Protein backbone atom coordinates (compact mmCIF):
# COMPACT_ATOMS: atom_id res chain seq x y z
CA MET A 1 8.06 75.80 105.13
CA GLY A 2 8.89 74.64 101.75
CA ILE A 3 6.81 73.50 98.88
CA ARG A 4 6.98 69.99 99.93
CA GLU A 5 4.96 70.39 103.25
CA GLY A 6 2.55 72.91 101.23
CA LEU A 7 1.66 70.11 98.54
CA LEU A 8 1.36 67.48 101.22
CA VAL A 9 -1.15 69.75 103.20
CA LEU A 10 -3.03 70.38 99.96
CA LEU A 11 -3.16 66.55 99.22
CA ALA A 12 -4.64 65.76 102.53
CA ASP A 13 -8.00 66.69 101.26
CA GLY A 14 -8.00 64.42 98.23
CA PRO A 15 -5.86 63.63 95.15
CA LYS A 16 -4.89 66.31 92.63
CA HIS A 17 -2.78 66.61 89.75
CA GLY A 18 0.49 68.91 89.47
CA TYR A 19 -1.56 72.00 87.64
CA ARG A 20 -4.30 71.93 90.20
CA LEU A 21 -1.75 71.81 93.07
CA LYS A 22 0.04 74.97 91.70
CA GLY A 23 -3.19 76.90 91.60
CA GLU A 24 -4.20 75.97 94.93
CA PHE A 25 -1.03 76.76 96.61
CA GLU A 26 -0.85 79.94 94.89
CA GLU A 27 -4.35 80.76 96.10
CA ALA A 28 -3.87 79.29 99.48
CA THR A 29 -0.68 81.66 100.06
CA GLY A 30 -2.55 84.73 98.73
CA GLN A 31 -0.51 84.89 95.61
CA ALA A 32 2.39 85.56 97.74
CA TRP A 33 4.36 82.61 96.56
CA PRO A 34 4.00 81.70 92.91
CA LEU A 35 5.09 78.30 91.64
CA ASN A 36 6.76 77.22 88.51
CA ILE A 37 5.18 74.03 87.48
CA GLY A 38 8.49 72.39 87.27
CA GLN A 39 8.79 72.88 90.95
CA VAL A 40 5.60 71.34 91.63
CA TYR A 41 6.68 68.12 89.58
CA THR A 42 9.98 68.04 91.06
CA THR A 43 8.60 67.91 94.34
CA LEU A 44 6.03 65.45 93.82
CA GLY A 45 8.72 63.26 92.10
CA ARG A 46 10.63 63.51 95.50
CA LEU A 47 7.62 63.00 97.70
CA GLU A 48 6.87 59.93 95.80
CA ARG A 49 10.30 58.58 96.10
CA ASP A 50 10.14 59.29 99.75
CA GLY A 51 6.89 57.23 100.05
CA LEU A 52 4.78 60.07 101.16
CA VAL A 53 2.49 60.50 97.99
CA GLU A 54 1.70 57.93 95.02
CA LEU A 55 0.20 58.04 91.80
CA ASP A 56 -3.61 57.58 92.14
CA THR A 57 -4.69 57.48 88.61
CA THR A 58 -4.28 59.51 85.13
CA ASP A 59 -7.09 62.10 84.56
CA SER A 60 -8.93 62.33 81.27
CA GLU A 61 -6.57 64.87 79.96
CA GLY A 62 -3.23 62.53 80.59
CA ARG A 63 -2.58 64.38 83.86
CA LYS A 64 -1.07 62.31 86.69
CA VAL A 65 -2.97 62.64 89.71
CA TYR A 66 -1.31 61.93 93.22
CA ARG A 67 -2.79 61.08 96.63
CA LEU A 68 -1.19 60.77 100.13
CA THR A 69 0.00 57.56 101.55
CA LYS A 70 -0.46 56.64 104.97
CA ALA A 71 3.11 58.01 105.74
CA GLY A 72 2.15 61.30 104.02
CA ARG A 73 -0.66 61.76 106.13
CA ALA A 74 1.39 61.40 109.17
CA GLU A 75 3.86 63.70 107.86
CA VAL A 76 1.25 66.25 107.56
CA ARG A 77 -0.05 65.88 111.18
CA ASP A 78 3.50 65.99 112.58
CA TRP A 79 4.26 69.17 110.29
CA LEU A 80 1.13 71.04 111.22
CA THR A 81 1.54 70.14 115.08
CA ARG A 82 5.13 71.06 115.45
CA PRO A 83 5.82 74.65 116.32
CA VAL A 84 7.82 76.83 113.79
CA ASP A 85 11.39 76.88 115.14
CA HIS A 86 12.15 80.91 115.04
CA ARG A 87 15.99 79.94 116.00
CA LEU A 88 16.37 79.75 112.21
CA ASP A 89 15.81 83.46 111.89
CA ALA A 90 18.94 84.38 114.20
CA ARG A 91 21.04 85.36 110.88
CA ASP A 92 18.79 87.67 108.96
CA GLU A 93 20.74 90.25 106.81
CA LEU A 94 19.87 93.31 108.81
CA SER A 95 21.00 92.14 112.13
CA MET A 96 24.24 90.68 110.50
CA LYS A 97 24.90 94.22 108.87
CA LEU A 98 24.49 96.11 112.02
CA LEU A 99 26.69 93.80 114.18
CA LEU A 100 29.26 93.67 111.50
CA THR A 101 29.19 97.43 111.36
CA LEU A 102 29.64 97.86 115.06
CA PHE A 103 32.47 95.56 115.36
CA ALA A 104 34.43 96.64 112.55
CA GLY A 105 33.84 100.18 112.82
CA VAL A 106 33.77 100.88 109.06
CA ALA A 107 30.62 102.95 108.77
CA ASP A 108 28.31 104.85 111.18
CA PRO A 109 25.76 102.37 112.64
CA LEU A 110 23.26 105.31 113.18
CA ALA A 111 23.49 105.75 109.22
CA VAL A 112 22.79 102.18 108.83
CA VAL A 113 19.79 102.41 111.11
CA ASP A 114 18.54 105.68 109.51
CA THR A 115 18.99 104.23 105.98
CA GLN A 116 16.71 100.75 107.08
CA ARG A 117 14.11 102.90 109.11
CA ALA A 118 13.44 104.84 105.89
CA ALA A 119 12.90 101.88 103.97
CA THR A 120 10.97 99.82 106.42
CA MET A 121 8.70 102.97 106.60
CA THR A 122 8.29 103.18 103.20
CA ALA A 123 7.42 99.42 102.91
CA LEU A 124 5.07 99.83 105.88
CA GLN A 125 3.00 102.41 103.80
CA ASP A 126 3.18 100.24 100.83
CA LEU A 127 1.63 97.38 102.84
CA HIS A 128 -1.06 99.29 104.57
CA ARG A 129 -1.84 100.73 101.07
CA LEU A 130 -2.25 97.15 99.67
CA LYS A 131 -4.29 96.11 102.69
CA GLN A 132 -6.89 99.12 101.98
CA GLU A 133 -7.00 98.04 98.24
CA THR A 134 -7.49 94.24 99.00
CA ASP A 135 -10.67 92.60 98.58
CA PRO A 136 -12.11 92.01 102.21
CA ASP A 137 -13.09 88.16 101.46
CA ASP A 138 -9.40 87.52 100.15
CA LEU A 139 -8.54 86.12 103.82
CA PRO A 140 -5.22 84.53 102.65
CA TRP A 141 -3.88 87.48 101.17
CA LEU A 142 -5.12 89.88 104.26
CA LEU A 143 -3.60 87.45 106.60
CA HIS A 144 -0.27 87.71 104.89
CA LEU A 145 -0.33 91.44 104.81
CA ASP A 146 -1.18 91.41 108.45
CA ARG A 147 2.11 89.37 109.05
CA LEU A 148 4.12 91.43 106.74
CA ILE A 149 2.89 94.86 108.67
CA LEU A 150 3.36 93.34 111.92
CA ARG A 151 7.18 92.39 110.99
CA ALA A 152 7.65 95.91 109.73
CA GLU A 153 6.36 97.55 112.88
CA ALA A 154 8.42 94.88 114.83
CA GLU A 155 11.73 96.05 112.99
CA LEU A 156 10.97 99.51 113.46
CA ARG A 157 10.87 99.09 117.20
CA TRP A 158 13.87 97.19 117.16
CA LEU A 159 15.79 99.73 115.09
CA ASP A 160 14.50 102.34 117.87
CA LEU A 161 16.10 99.97 120.58
CA VAL A 162 19.40 99.78 118.40
CA GLU A 163 19.64 103.23 118.46
CA ASP A 164 19.24 103.73 122.20
CA ARG A 165 21.79 101.03 122.98
CA LEU A 166 24.56 102.43 120.70
CA PRO A 167 27.28 103.59 122.79
CA GLU A 168 28.29 107.15 122.60
CA ARG A 169 31.59 106.21 120.91
CA ARG A 170 29.67 104.55 118.12
CA ARG A 171 27.45 107.54 117.44
CA ARG A 172 30.02 109.70 115.73
CA PRO A 173 29.91 109.43 112.00
CA ALA A 174 32.70 107.03 110.70
CA ALA A 175 33.84 107.29 107.23
CA VAL A 176 33.32 104.23 105.24
CA HIS A 177 37.01 102.81 104.78
CA GLU A 178 37.65 101.95 101.06
CA PRO A 179 40.43 99.37 100.35
CA ALA A 180 43.54 101.13 99.22
CA GLU A 181 44.42 101.24 95.55
CA THR A 182 47.45 99.78 94.89
CA GLU A 183 49.86 101.25 92.11
CA GLU A 184 50.70 98.92 89.36
CA VAL A 185 54.26 98.02 89.20
CA THR A 186 55.89 97.80 85.75
CA GLY A 187 59.22 96.78 84.94
């Protein structure tokens, strides 16, 4: 999802100006995605260029109020009914780090797993603490925290699986290879 889709969905329930869209976007995402007002107006300009929104009016304070076009409403319906493509997640940094470590043999993969496990456990504890401190009526933030908690738990299970599947030859500590320093030749 991008800012584009978020603004289109927020405009689906009626015309709004940029500052209102910014506030509603941040509230709807549980404050997890703060926006710069410049991002909002740049995105509105692109949406207008693409025929998905149009200028509705200017309010009493001189702010431009935008509304969805027919094409914009169709875009919202299409986006909301299209499942999220998880294939895009295939290249996350942790997976790539472990795969490259296994391939190149420049470090102990178990050390990479252990380092990440410790960091993920700390993050998981922080997320649970945040959830305990969150107002039970703040549904957007609670749902976001639940998603992050489940992701962290899944990552921990995946790290366990990686550790179980590491071939015995990869379980021996390997020193990190440092590039050889070259002597400067003077002449």
